[in-house]
Amino acid sequence: MLEKTTRMNYLFDFYQALLTPKQRSYMEMYYLEDLSLGEIAESFDVSRQAVYDNIRRTETMIESYEKKLNLYDRFKERCTLLDELEDTIDSEVQPHAHSLIMKIKELD
């Protein structure tokens, strides 16, 4: 469950601009604020089932975006490669290269 939550948080970060305000609100409340379906339903004066359905549809949409655009997968691969590069470079011998790696990591 933690893996799914982490993945959804990253996907939400990448694709939230493509969601409606209501979808964004539900996803933020559920995944980022860790509110229950009942708490979200109460906030919007809708049923728990309506919140559940909206969140599941939004998750499916986000996964569909990721399947087409691969932003999260490329992000993970880039992080892995940067970590490997950082491990191979001696920061004392090549401080400029190490500094550049850190700047690239900060961009993400």
PDB file of N, CA and C in Angstrom:
ATOM      1  N   MET A   1       0.824  -1.199   0.000  1.00  0.00           N
ATOM      2  CA  MET A   1       0.000   0.000   0.000  1.00  0.00           C
ATOM      3  C   MET A   1       0.867   1.261   0.000  1.00  0.00           C
ATOM      4  N   LEU A   2       1.969   1.207   0.743  1.00  0.00           N
ATOM      5  CA  LEU A   2       2.852   2.369   0.801  1.00  0.00           C
ATOM      6  C   LEU A   2       3.465   2.660  -0.563  1.00  0.00           C
ATOM      7  N   GLU A   3       3.821   1.586  -1.301  1.00  0.00           N
ATOM      8  CA  GLU A   3       4.368   1.775  -2.648  1.00  0.00           C
ATOM      9  C   GLU A   3       3.365   2.469  -3.559  1.00  0.00           C
ATOM     10  N   LYS A   4       2.098   2.038  -3.477  1.00  0.00           N
ATOM     11  CA  LYS A   4       1.066   2.645  -4.317  1.00  0.00           C
ATOM     12  C   LYS A   4       0.883   4.119  -3.951  1.00  0.00           C
ATOM     13  N   THR A   5       0.873   4.409  -2.664  1.00  0.00           N
ATOM     14  CA  THR A   5       0.712   5.791  -2.210  1.00  0.00           C
ATOM     15  C   THR A   5       1.865   6.660  -2.691  1.00  0.00           C
ATOM     16  N   THR A   6       3.073   6.145  -2.561  1.00  0.00           N
ATOM     17  CA  THR A   6       4.246   6.892  -3.017  1.00  0.00           C
ATOM     18  C   THR A   6       4.171   7.133  -4.514  1.00  0.00           C
ATOM     19  N   ARG A   7       3.831   6.093  -5.261  1.00  0.00           N
ATOM     20  CA  ARG A   7       3.713   6.220  -6.719  1.00  0.00           C
ATOM     21  C   ARG A   7       2.647   7.255  -7.078  1.00  0.00           C
ATOM     22  N   MET A   8       1.490   7.179  -6.435  1.00  0.00           N
ATOM     23  CA  MET A   8       0.406   8.122  -6.734  1.00  0.00           C
ATOM     24  C   MET A   8       0.813   9.553  -6.394  1.00  0.00           C
ATOM     25  N   ASN A   9       1.548   9.729  -5.307  1.00  0.00           N
ATOM     26  CA  ASN A   9       2.014  11.078  -4.953  1.00  0.00           C
ATOM     27  C   ASN A   9       2.917  11.643  -6.035  1.00  0.00           C
ATOM     28  N   TYR A  10       3.839  10.818  -6.538  1.00  0.00           N
ATOM     29  CA  TYR A  10       4.708  11.278  -7.624  1.00  0.00           C
ATOM     30  C   TYR A  10       3.910  11.551  -8.895  1.00  0.00           C
ATOM     31  N   LEU A  11       3.029  10.618  -9.252  1.00  0.00           N
ATOM     32  CA  LEU A  11       2.230  10.813 -10.461  1.00  0.00           C
ATOM     33  C   LEU A  11       1.362  12.058 -10.342  1.00  0.00           C
ATOM     34  N   PHE A  12       0.815  12.272  -9.162  1.00  0.00           N
ATOM     35  CA  PHE A  12       0.011  13.466  -8.938  1.00  0.00           C
ATOM     36  C   PHE A  12       0.852  14.725  -9.144  1.00  0.00           C
ATOM     37  N   ASP A  13       2.074  14.713  -8.632  1.00  0.00           N
ATOM     38  CA  ASP A  13       2.970  15.861  -8.831  1.00  0.00           C
ATOM     39  C   ASP A  13       3.188  16.143 -10.311  1.00  0.00           C
ATOM     40  N   PHE A  14       3.387  15.096 -11.084  1.00  0.00           N
ATOM     41  CA  PHE A  14       3.662  15.271 -12.505  1.00  0.00           C
ATOM     42  C   PHE A  14       2.429  15.681 -13.311  1.00  0.00           C
ATOM     43  N   TYR A  15       1.270  15.144 -12.968  1.00  0.00           N
ATOM     44  CA  TYR A  15       0.100  15.299 -13.841  1.00  0.00           C
ATOM     45  C   TYR A  15      -1.054  16.119 -13.259  1.00  0.00           C
ATOM     46  N   GLN A  16      -0.882  16.730 -12.105  1.00  0.00           N
ATOM     47  CA  GLN A  16      -1.983  17.449 -11.471  1.00  0.00           C
ATOM     48  C   GLN A  16      -2.535  18.590 -12.325  1.00  0.00           C
ATOM     49  N   ALA A  17      -1.701  19.178 -13.148  1.00  0.00           N
ATOM     50  CA  ALA A  17      -2.166  20.282 -14.002  1.00  0.00           C
ATOM     51  C   ALA A  17      -3.190  19.807 -15.029  1.00  0.00           C
ATOM     52  N   LEU A  18      -3.241  18.508 -15.278  1.00  0.00           N
ATOM     53  CA  LEU A  18      -4.187  17.956 -16.254  1.00  0.00           C
ATOM     54  C   LEU A  18      -5.522  17.560 -15.620  1.00  0.00           C
ATOM     55  N   LEU A  19      -5.637  17.731 -14.327  1.00  0.00           N
ATOM     56  CA  LEU A  19      -6.856  17.335 -13.610  1.00  0.00           C
ATOM     57  C   LEU A  19      -7.781  18.524 -13.387  1.00  0.00           C
ATOM     58  N   THR A  20      -9.048  18.211 -13.172  1.00  0.00           N
ATOM     59  CA  THR A  20     -10.014  19.253 -12.831  1.00  0.00           C
ATOM     60  C   THR A  20      -9.761  19.687 -11.381  1.00  0.00           C
ATOM     61  N   PRO A  21     -10.268  20.851 -10.997  1.00  0.00           N
ATOM     62  CA  PRO A  21     -10.086  21.286  -9.598  1.00  0.00           C
ATOM     63  C   PRO A  21     -10.648  20.275  -8.591  1.00  0.00           C
ATOM     64  N   LYS A  22     -11.786  19.670  -8.898  1.00  0.00           N
ATOM     65  CA  LYS A  22     -12.387  18.698  -7.980  1.00  0.00           C
ATOM     66  C   LYS A  22     -11.494  17.458  -7.872  1.00  0.00           C
ATOM     67  N   GLN A  23     -10.998  16.970  -9.005  1.00  0.00           N
ATOM     68  CA  GLN A  23     -10.106  15.813  -8.984  1.00  0.00           C
ATOM     69  C   GLN A  23      -8.850  16.124  -8.171  1.00  0.00           C
ATOM     70  N   ARG A  24      -8.309  17.313  -8.389  1.00  0.00           N
ATOM     71  CA  ARG A  24      -7.115  17.724  -7.643  1.00  0.00           C
ATOM     72  C   ARG A  24      -7.399  17.753  -6.145  1.00  0.00           C
ATOM     73  N   SER A  25      -8.530  18.319  -5.785  1.00  0.00           N
ATOM     74  CA  SER A  25      -8.882  18.419  -4.357  1.00  0.00           C
ATOM     75  C   SER A  25      -9.017  17.037  -3.720  1.00  0.00           C
ATOM     76  N   TYR A  26      -9.747  16.151  -4.381  1.00  0.00           N
ATOM     77  CA  TYR A  26      -9.934  14.806  -3.832  1.00  0.00           C
ATOM     78  C   TYR A  26      -8.590  14.091  -3.671  1.00  0.00           C
ATOM     79  N   MET A  27      -7.748  14.182  -4.697  1.00  0.00           N
ATOM     80  CA  MET A  27      -6.458  13.490  -4.652  1.00  0.00           C
ATOM     81  C   MET A  27      -5.546  14.093  -3.574  1.00  0.00           C
ATOM     82  N   GLU A  28      -5.533  15.406  -3.462  1.00  0.00           N
ATOM     83  CA  GLU A  28      -4.727  16.057  -2.418  1.00  0.00           C
ATOM     84  C   GLU A  28      -5.186  15.623  -1.037  1.00  0.00           C
ATOM     85  N   MET A  29      -6.484  15.657  -0.825  1.00  0.00           N
ATOM     86  CA  MET A  29      -7.016  15.309   0.484  1.00  0.00           C
ATOM     87  C   MET A  29      -6.757  13.836   0.822  1.00  0.00           C
ATOM     88  N   TYR A  30      -6.921  12.972  -0.172  1.00  0.00           N
ATOM     89  CA  TYR A  30      -6.776  11.536   0.079  1.00  0.00           C
ATOM     90  C   TYR A  30      -5.313  11.118   0.208  1.00  0.00           C
ATOM     91  N   TYR A  31      -4.481  11.541  -0.710  1.00  0.00           N
ATOM     92  CA  TYR A  31      -3.091  11.082  -0.728  1.00  0.00           C
ATOM     93  C   TYR A  31      -2.130  11.973   0.040  1.00  0.00           C
ATOM     94  N   LEU A  32      -2.275  13.272  -0.047  1.00  0.00           N
ATOM     95  CA  LEU A  32      -1.320  14.157   0.609  1.00  0.00           C
ATOM     96  C   LEU A  32      -1.697  14.469   2.052  1.00  0.00           C
ATOM     97  N   GLU A  33      -2.986  14.703   2.287  1.00  0.00           N
ATOM     98  CA  GLU A  33      -3.430  15.028   3.641  1.00  0.00           C
ATOM     99  C   GLU A  33      -3.869  13.794   4.424  1.00  0.00           C
ATOM    100  N   ASP A  34      -3.944  12.641   3.747  1.00  0.00           N
ATOM    101  CA  ASP A  34      -4.297  11.358   4.360  1.00  0.00           C
ATOM    102  C   ASP A  34      -5.676  11.372   5.032  1.00  0.00           C
ATOM    103  N   LEU A  35      -6.621  12.069   4.416  1.00  0.00           N
ATOM    104  CA  LEU A  35      -7.988  12.070   4.934  1.00  0.00           C
ATOM    105  C   LEU A  35      -8.724  10.816   4.467  1.00  0.00           C
ATOM    106  N   SER A  36      -9.694  10.389   5.244  1.00  0.00           N
ATOM    107  CA  SER A  36     -10.489   9.218   4.869  1.00  0.00           C
ATOM    108  C   SER A  36     -11.536   9.614   3.833  1.00  0.00           C
ATOM    109  N   LEU A  37     -12.113   8.602   3.186  1.00  0.00           N
ATOM    110  CA  LEU A  37     -13.177   8.861   2.216  1.00  0.00           C
ATOM    111  C   LEU A  37     -14.344   9.580   2.890  1.00  0.00           C
ATOM    112  N   GLY A  38     -14.662   9.175   4.114  1.00  0.00           N
ATOM    113  CA  GLY A  38     -15.749   9.806   4.851  1.00  0.00           C
ATOM    114  C   GLY A  38     -15.491  11.279   5.138  1.00  0.00           C
ATOM    115  N   GLU A  39     -14.257  11.598   5.504  1.00  0.00           N
ATOM    116  CA  GLU A  39     -13.913  12.995   5.786  1.00  0.00           C
ATOM    117  C   GLU A  39     -13.990  13.852   4.528  1.00  0.00           C
ATOM    118  N   ILE A  40     -13.539  13.297   3.421  1.00  0.00           N
ATOM    119  CA  ILE A  40     -13.606  14.028   2.158  1.00  0.00           C
ATOM    120  C   ILE A  40     -15.060  14.202   1.739  1.00  0.00           C
ATOM    121  N   ALA A  41     -15.835  13.146   1.863  1.00  0.00           N
ATOM    122  CA  ALA A  41     -17.255  13.197   1.501  1.00  0.00           C
ATOM    123  C   ALA A  41     -17.984  14.259   2.312  1.00  0.00           C
ATOM    124  N   GLU A  42     -17.671  14.327   3.580  1.00  0.00           N
ATOM    125  CA  GLU A  42     -18.292  15.321   4.456  1.00  0.00           C
ATOM    126  C   GLU A  42     -17.928  16.741   4.014  1.00  0.00           C
ATOM    127  N   SER A  43     -16.687  16.952   3.624  1.00  0.00           N
ATOM    128  CA  SER A  43     -16.226  18.272   3.184  1.00  0.00           C
ATOM    129  C   SER A  43     -16.957  18.746   1.928  1.00  0.00           C
ATOM    130  N   PHE A  44     -17.274  17.808   1.044  1.00  0.00           N
ATOM    131  CA  PHE A  44     -17.902  18.162  -0.227  1.00  0.00           C
ATOM    132  C   PHE A  44     -19.405  17.877  -0.249  1.00  0.00           C
ATOM    133  N   ASP A  45     -19.920  17.379   0.875  1.00  0.00           N
ATOM    134  CA  ASP A  45     -21.339  17.053   0.990  1.00  0.00           C
ATOM    135  C   ASP A  45     -21.785  16.088  -0.113  1.00  0.00           C
ATOM    136  N   VAL A  46     -21.005  15.016  -0.272  1.00  0.00           N
ATOM    137  CA  VAL A  46     -21.325  13.946  -1.224  1.00  0.00           C
ATOM    138  C   VAL A  46     -21.165  12.613  -0.489  1.00  0.00           C
ATOM    139  N   SER A  47     -21.522  11.521  -1.154  1.00  0.00           N
ATOM    140  CA  SER A  47     -21.394  10.203  -0.529  1.00  0.00           C
ATOM    141  C   SER A  47     -19.944   9.723  -0.579  1.00  0.00           C
ATOM    142  N   ARG A  48     -19.644   8.791   0.310  1.00  0.00           N
ATOM    143  CA  ARG A  48     -18.313   8.180   0.306  1.00  0.00           C
ATOM    144  C   ARG A  48     -18.069   7.480  -1.022  1.00  0.00           C
ATOM    145  N   GLN A  49     -19.126   6.865  -1.564  1.00  0.00           N
ATOM    146  CA  GLN A  49     -19.008   6.159  -2.839  1.00  0.00           C
ATOM    147  C   GLN A  49     -18.638   7.118  -3.974  1.00  0.00           C
ATOM    148  N   ALA A  50     -19.203   8.308  -3.941  1.00  0.00           N
ATOM    149  CA  ALA A  50     -18.883   9.303  -4.976  1.00  0.00           C
ATOM    150  C   ALA A  50     -17.410   9.695  -4.901  1.00  0.00           C
ATOM    151  N   VAL A  51     -16.899   9.864  -3.696  1.00  0.00           N
ATOM    152  CA  VAL A  51     -15.485  10.205  -3.511  1.00  0.00           C
ATOM    153  C   VAL A  51     -14.608   9.044  -3.987  1.00  0.00           C
ATOM    154  N   TYR A  52     -14.961   7.841  -3.578  1.00  0.00           N
ATOM    155  CA  TYR A  52     -14.211   6.650  -3.968  1.00  0.00           C
ATOM    156  C   TYR A  52     -14.155   6.517  -5.494  1.00  0.00           C
ATOM    157  N   ASP A  53     -15.311   6.647  -6.136  1.00  0.00           N
ATOM    158  CA  ASP A  53     -15.379   6.524  -7.599  1.00  0.00           C
ATOM    159  C   ASP A  53     -14.524   7.590  -8.284  1.00  0.00           C
ATOM    160  N   ASN A  54     -14.606   8.813  -7.789  1.00  0.00           N
ATOM    161  CA  ASN A  54     -13.826   9.906  -8.382  1.00  0.00           C
ATOM    162  C   ASN A  54     -12.327   9.648  -8.236  1.00  0.00           C
ATOM    163  N   ILE A  55     -11.903   9.210  -7.066  1.00  0.00           N
ATOM    164  CA  ILE A  55     -10.484   8.938  -6.832  1.00  0.00           C
ATOM    165  C   ILE A  55     -10.008   7.799  -7.727  1.00  0.00           C
ATOM    166  N   ARG A  56     -10.779   6.735  -7.836  1.00  0.00           N
ATOM    167  CA  ARG A  56     -10.385   5.600  -8.683  1.00  0.00           C
ATOM    168  C   ARG A  56     -10.313   6.006 -10.156  1.00  0.00           C
ATOM    169  N   ARG A  57     -11.272   6.764 -10.624  1.00  0.00           N
ATOM    170  CA  ARG A  57     -11.235   7.238 -12.022  1.00  0.00           C
ATOM    171  C   ARG A  57     -10.021   8.130 -12.252  1.00  0.00           C
ATOM    172  N   THR A  58      -9.738   8.990 -11.286  1.00  0.00           N
ATOM    173  CA  THR A  58      -8.587   9.889 -11.408  1.00  0.00           C
ATOM    174  C   THR A  58      -7.286   9.101 -11.407  1.00  0.00           C
ATOM    175  N   GLU A  59      -7.179   8.095 -10.560  1.00  0.00           N
ATOM    176  CA  GLU A  59      -5.992   7.235 -10.555  1.00  0.00           C
ATOM    177  C   GLU A  59      -5.800   6.569 -11.916  1.00  0.00           C
ATOM    178  N   THR A  60      -6.879   6.086 -12.487  1.00  0.00           N
ATOM    179  CA  THR A  60      -6.819   5.441 -13.798  1.00  0.00           C
ATOM    180  C   THR A  60      -6.362   6.435 -14.861  1.00  0.00           C
ATOM    181  N   MET A  61      -6.888   7.652 -14.808  1.00  0.00           N
ATOM    182  CA  MET A  61      -6.466   8.695 -15.749  1.00  0.00           C
ATOM    183  C   MET A  61      -4.981   8.994 -15.614  1.00  0.00           C
ATOM    184  N   ILE A  62      -4.535   9.165 -14.379  1.00  0.00           N
ATOM    185  CA  ILE A  62      -3.134   9.493 -14.133  1.00  0.00           C
ATOM    186  C   ILE A  62      -2.233   8.364 -14.623  1.00  0.00           C
ATOM    187  N   GLU A  63      -2.623   7.127 -14.362  1.00  0.00           N
ATOM    188  CA  GLU A  63      -1.836   5.981 -14.835  1.00  0.00           C
ATOM    189  C   GLU A  63      -1.808   5.954 -16.365  1.00  0.00           C
ATOM    190  N   SER A  64      -2.910   6.338 -16.980  1.00  0.00           N
ATOM    191  CA  SER A  64      -2.971   6.402 -18.441  1.00  0.00           C
ATOM    192  C   SER A  64      -2.018   7.466 -18.984  1.00  0.00           C
ATOM    193  N   TYR A  65      -1.983   8.618 -18.329  1.00  0.00           N
ATOM    194  CA  TYR A  65      -1.044   9.672 -18.724  1.00  0.00           C
ATOM    195  C   TYR A  65       0.394   9.165 -18.611  1.00  0.00           C
ATOM    196  N   GLU A  66       0.678   8.476 -17.513  1.00  0.00           N
ATOM    197  CA  GLU A  66       2.030   7.973 -17.294  1.00  0.00           C
ATOM    198  C   GLU A  66       2.402   6.931 -18.350  1.00  0.00           C
ATOM    199  N   LYS A  67       1.455   6.096 -18.703  1.00  0.00           N
ATOM    200  CA  LYS A  67       1.718   5.074 -19.725  1.00  0.00           C
ATOM    201  C   LYS A  67       2.113   5.724 -21.053  1.00  0.00           C
ATOM    202  N   LYS A  68       1.508   6.857 -21.354  1.00  0.00           N
ATOM    203  CA  LYS A  68       1.783   7.554 -22.614  1.00  0.00           C
ATOM    204  C   LYS A  68       3.026   8.446 -22.530  1.00  0.00           C
ATOM    205  N   LEU A  69       3.222   9.132 -21.417  1.00  0.00           N
ATOM    206  CA  LEU A  69       4.273  10.143 -21.319  1.00  0.00           C
ATOM    207  C   LEU A  69       5.528   9.691 -20.559  1.00  0.00           C
ATOM    208  N   ASN A  70       5.374   8.724 -19.678  1.00  0.00           N
ATOM    209  CA  ASN A  70       6.509   8.161 -18.923  1.00  0.00           C
ATOM    210  C   ASN A  70       7.314   9.178 -18.126  1.00  0.00           C
ATOM    211  N   LEU A  71       6.697  10.213 -17.617  1.00  0.00           N
ATOM    212  CA  LEU A  71       7.434  11.219 -16.858  1.00  0.00           C
ATOM    213  C   LEU A  71       8.010  10.650 -15.564  1.00  0.00           C
ATOM    214  N   TYR A  72       7.224   9.875 -14.847  1.00  0.00           N
ATOM    215  CA  TYR A  72       7.688   9.313 -13.577  1.00  0.00           C
ATOM    216  C   TYR A  72       8.764   8.264 -13.807  1.00  0.00           C
ATOM    217  N   ASP A  73       8.566   7.379 -14.772  1.00  0.00           N
ATOM    218  CA  ASP A  73       9.568   6.353 -15.052  1.00  0.00           C
ATOM    219  C   ASP A  73      10.895   6.973 -15.473  1.00  0.00           C
ATOM    220  N   ARG A  74      10.836   7.996 -16.295  1.00  0.00           N
ATOM    221  CA  ARG A  74      12.064   8.674 -16.720  1.00  0.00           C
ATOM    222  C   ARG A  74      12.720   9.406 -15.540  1.00  0.00           C
ATOM    223  N   PHE A  75      11.900   9.973 -14.657  1.00  0.00           N
ATOM    224  CA  PHE A  75      12.412  10.627 -13.457  1.00  0.00           C
ATOM    225  C   PHE A  75      13.176   9.632 -12.590  1.00  0.00           C
ATOM    226  N   LYS A  76      12.583   8.456 -12.352  1.00  0.00           N
ATOM    227  CA  LYS A  76      13.249   7.434 -11.542  1.00  0.00           C
ATOM    228  C   LYS A  76      14.558   6.988 -12.186  1.00  0.00           C
ATOM    229  N   GLU A  77      14.540   6.789 -13.491  1.00  0.00           N
ATOM    230  CA  GLU A  77      15.747   6.365 -14.202  1.00  0.00           C
ATOM    231  C   GLU A  77      16.836   7.444 -14.114  1.00  0.00           C
ATOM    232  N   ARG A  78      16.421   8.706 -14.285  1.00  0.00           N
ATOM    233  CA  ARG A  78      17.374   9.814 -14.195  1.00  0.00           C
ATOM    234  C   ARG A  78      17.992   9.881 -12.795  1.00  0.00           C
ATOM    235  N   CYS A  79      17.188   9.702 -11.773  1.00  0.00           N
ATOM    236  CA  CYS A  79      17.702   9.721 -10.396  1.00  0.00           C
ATOM    237  C   CYS A  79      18.697   8.589 -10.163  1.00  0.00           C
ATOM    238  N   THR A  80      18.388   7.406 -10.668  1.00  0.00           N
ATOM    239  CA  THR A  80      19.281   6.264 -10.527  1.00  0.00           C
ATOM    240  C   THR A  80      20.616   6.526 -11.217  1.00  0.00           C
ATOM    241  N   LEU A  81      20.554   7.052 -12.431  1.00  0.00           N
ATOM    242  CA  LEU A  81      21.783   7.345 -13.174  1.00  0.00           C
ATOM    243  C   LEU A  81      22.602   8.435 -12.483  1.00  0.00           C
ATOM    244  N   LEU A  82      21.946   9.444 -11.972  1.00  0.00           N
ATOM    245  CA  LEU A  82      22.664  10.503 -11.259  1.00  0.00           C
ATOM    246  C   LEU A  82      23.323   9.964  -9.988  1.00  0.00           C
ATOM    247  N   ASP A  83      22.631   9.072  -9.279  1.00  0.00           N
ATOM    248  CA  ASP A  83      23.223   8.468  -8.079  1.00  0.00           C
ATOM    249  C   ASP A  83      24.453   7.642  -8.445  1.00  0.00           C
ATOM    250  N   GLU A  84      24.361   6.873  -9.536  1.00  0.00           N
ATOM    251  CA  GLU A  84      25.507   6.088  -9.984  1.00  0.00           C
ATOM    252  C   GLU A  84      26.669   6.992 -10.373  1.00  0.00           C
ATOM    253  N   LEU A  85      26.361   8.049 -11.095  1.00  0.00           N
ATOM    254  CA  LEU A  85      27.399   8.988 -11.507  1.00  0.00           C
ATOM    255  C   LEU A  85      28.052   9.635 -10.296  1.00  0.00           C
ATOM    256  N   GLU A  86      27.233  10.014  -9.347  1.00  0.00           N
ATOM    257  CA  GLU A  86      27.756  10.640  -8.127  1.00  0.00           C
ATOM    258  C   GLU A  86      28.670   9.685  -7.363  1.00  0.00           C
ATOM    259  N   ASP A  87      28.311   8.400  -7.358  1.00  0.00           N
ATOM    260  CA  ASP A  87      29.137   7.402  -6.671  1.00  0.00           C
ATOM    261  C   ASP A  87      30.485   7.200  -7.361  1.00  0.00           C
ATOM    262  N   THR A  88      30.533   7.407  -8.673  1.00  0.00           N
ATOM    263  CA  THR A  88      31.775   7.165  -9.405  1.00  0.00           C
ATOM    264  C   THR A  88      32.700   8.379  -9.414  1.00  0.00           C
ATOM    265  N   ILE A  89      32.158   9.540  -9.104  1.00  0.00           N
ATOM    266  CA  ILE A  89      32.969  10.760  -9.118  1.00  0.00           C
ATOM    267  C   ILE A  89      33.432  11.071  -7.708  1.00  0.00           C
ATOM    268  N   ASP A  90      34.707  11.294  -7.582  1.00  0.00           N
ATOM    269  CA  ASP A  90      35.275  11.696  -6.299  1.00  0.00           C
ATOM    270  C   ASP A  90      35.042  13.198  -6.143  1.00  0.00           C
ATOM    271  N   SER A  91      34.213  13.574  -5.194  1.00  0.00           N
ATOM    272  CA  SER A  91      33.844  14.988  -5.037  1.00  0.00           C
ATOM    273  C   SER A  91      35.027  15.875  -4.663  1.00  0.00           C
ATOM    274  N   GLU A  92      36.064  15.299  -4.070  1.00  0.00           N
ATOM    275  CA  GLU A  92      37.232  16.103  -3.721  1.00  0.00           C
ATOM    276  C   GLU A  92      38.134  16.336  -4.929  1.00  0.00           C
ATOM    277  N   VAL A  93      38.193  15.340  -5.824  1.00  0.00           N
ATOM    278  CA  VAL A  93      39.035  15.458  -7.011  1.00  0.00           C
ATOM    279  C   VAL A  93      38.317  16.270  -8.098  1.00  0.00           C
ATOM    280  N   GLN A  94      37.019  16.062  -8.214  1.00  0.00           N
ATOM    281  CA  GLN A  94      36.239  16.750  -9.245  1.00  0.00           C
ATOM    282  C   GLN A  94      35.048  17.479  -8.617  1.00  0.00           C
ATOM    283  N   PRO A  95      35.314  18.530  -7.857  1.00  0.00           N
ATOM    284  CA  PRO A  95      34.227  19.224  -7.157  1.00  0.00           C
ATOM    285  C   PRO A  95      33.225  19.871  -8.114  1.00  0.00           C
ATOM    286  N   HIS A  96      33.691  20.325  -9.260  1.00  0.00           N
ATOM    287  CA  HIS A  96      32.772  20.961 -10.206  1.00  0.00           C
ATOM    288  C   HIS A  96      31.762  19.950 -10.750  1.00  0.00           C
ATOM    289  N   ALA A  97      32.226  18.756 -11.086  1.00  0.00           N
ATOM    290  CA  ALA A  97      31.326  17.714 -11.588  1.00  0.00           C
ATOM    291  C   ALA A  97      30.310  17.338 -10.506  1.00  0.00           C
ATOM    292  N   HIS A  98      30.791  17.205  -9.289  1.00  0.00           N
ATOM    293  CA  HIS A  98      29.895  16.882  -8.174  1.00  0.00           C
ATOM    294  C   HIS A  98      28.866  17.999  -7.970  1.00  0.00           C
ATOM    295  N   SER A  99      29.288  19.219  -8.084  1.00  0.00           N
ATOM    296  CA  SER A  99      28.393  20.369  -7.949  1.00  0.00           C
ATOM    297  C   SER A  99      27.308  20.358  -9.041  1.00  0.00           C
ATOM    298  N   LEU A 100      27.706  20.028 -10.245  1.00  0.00           N
ATOM    299  CA  LEU A 100      26.737  19.965 -11.349  1.00  0.00           C
ATOM    300  C   LEU A 100      25.699  18.870 -11.122  1.00  0.00           C
ATOM    301  N   ILE A 101      26.126  17.739 -10.622  1.00  0.00           N
ATOM    302  CA  ILE A 101      25.196  16.646 -10.319  1.00  0.00           C
ATOM    303  C   ILE A 101      24.175  17.111  -9.282  1.00  0.00           C
ATOM    304  N   MET A 102      24.628  17.796  -8.265  1.00  0.00           N
ATOM    305  CA  MET A 102      23.724  18.283  -7.221  1.00  0.00           C
ATOM    306  C   MET A 102      22.713  19.279  -7.792  1.00  0.00           C
ATOM    307  N   LYS A 103      23.165  20.137  -8.694  1.00  0.00           N
ATOM    308  CA  LYS A 103      22.259  21.107  -9.312  1.00  0.00           C
ATOM    309  C   LYS A 103      21.190  20.411 -10.163  1.00  0.00           C
ATOM    310  N   ILE A 104      21.594  19.363 -10.873  1.00  0.00           N
ATOM    311  CA  ILE A 104      20.638  18.608 -11.682  1.00  0.00           C
ATOM    312  C   ILE A 104      19.599  17.938 -10.777  1.00  0.00           C
ATOM    313  N   LYS A 105      20.043  17.370  -9.670  1.00  0.00           N
ATOM    314  CA  LYS A 105      19.117  16.736  -8.732  1.00  0.00           C
ATOM    315  C   LYS A 105      18.123  17.747  -8.169  1.00  0.00           C
ATOM    316  N   GLU A 106      18.579  18.950  -7.910  1.00  0.00           N
ATOM    317  CA  GLU A 106      17.698  19.992  -7.368  1.00  0.00           C
ATOM    318  C   GLU A 106      16.620  20.418  -8.366  1.00  0.00           C
ATOM    319  N   LEU A 107      16.890  20.257  -9.654  1.00  0.00           N
ATOM    320  CA  LEU A 107      15.897  20.623 -10.674  1.00  0.00           C
ATOM    321  C   LEU A 107      14.641  19.755 -10.573  1.00  0.00           C
ATOM    322  N   ASP A 108      14.818  18.495 -10.214  1.00  0.00           N
ATOM    323  CA  ASP A 108      13.678  17.585 -10.122  1.00  0.00           C
ATOM    324  C   ASP A 108      13.002  17.806  -8.804  1.00  0.00           C
TER     325      ASP A 108
END
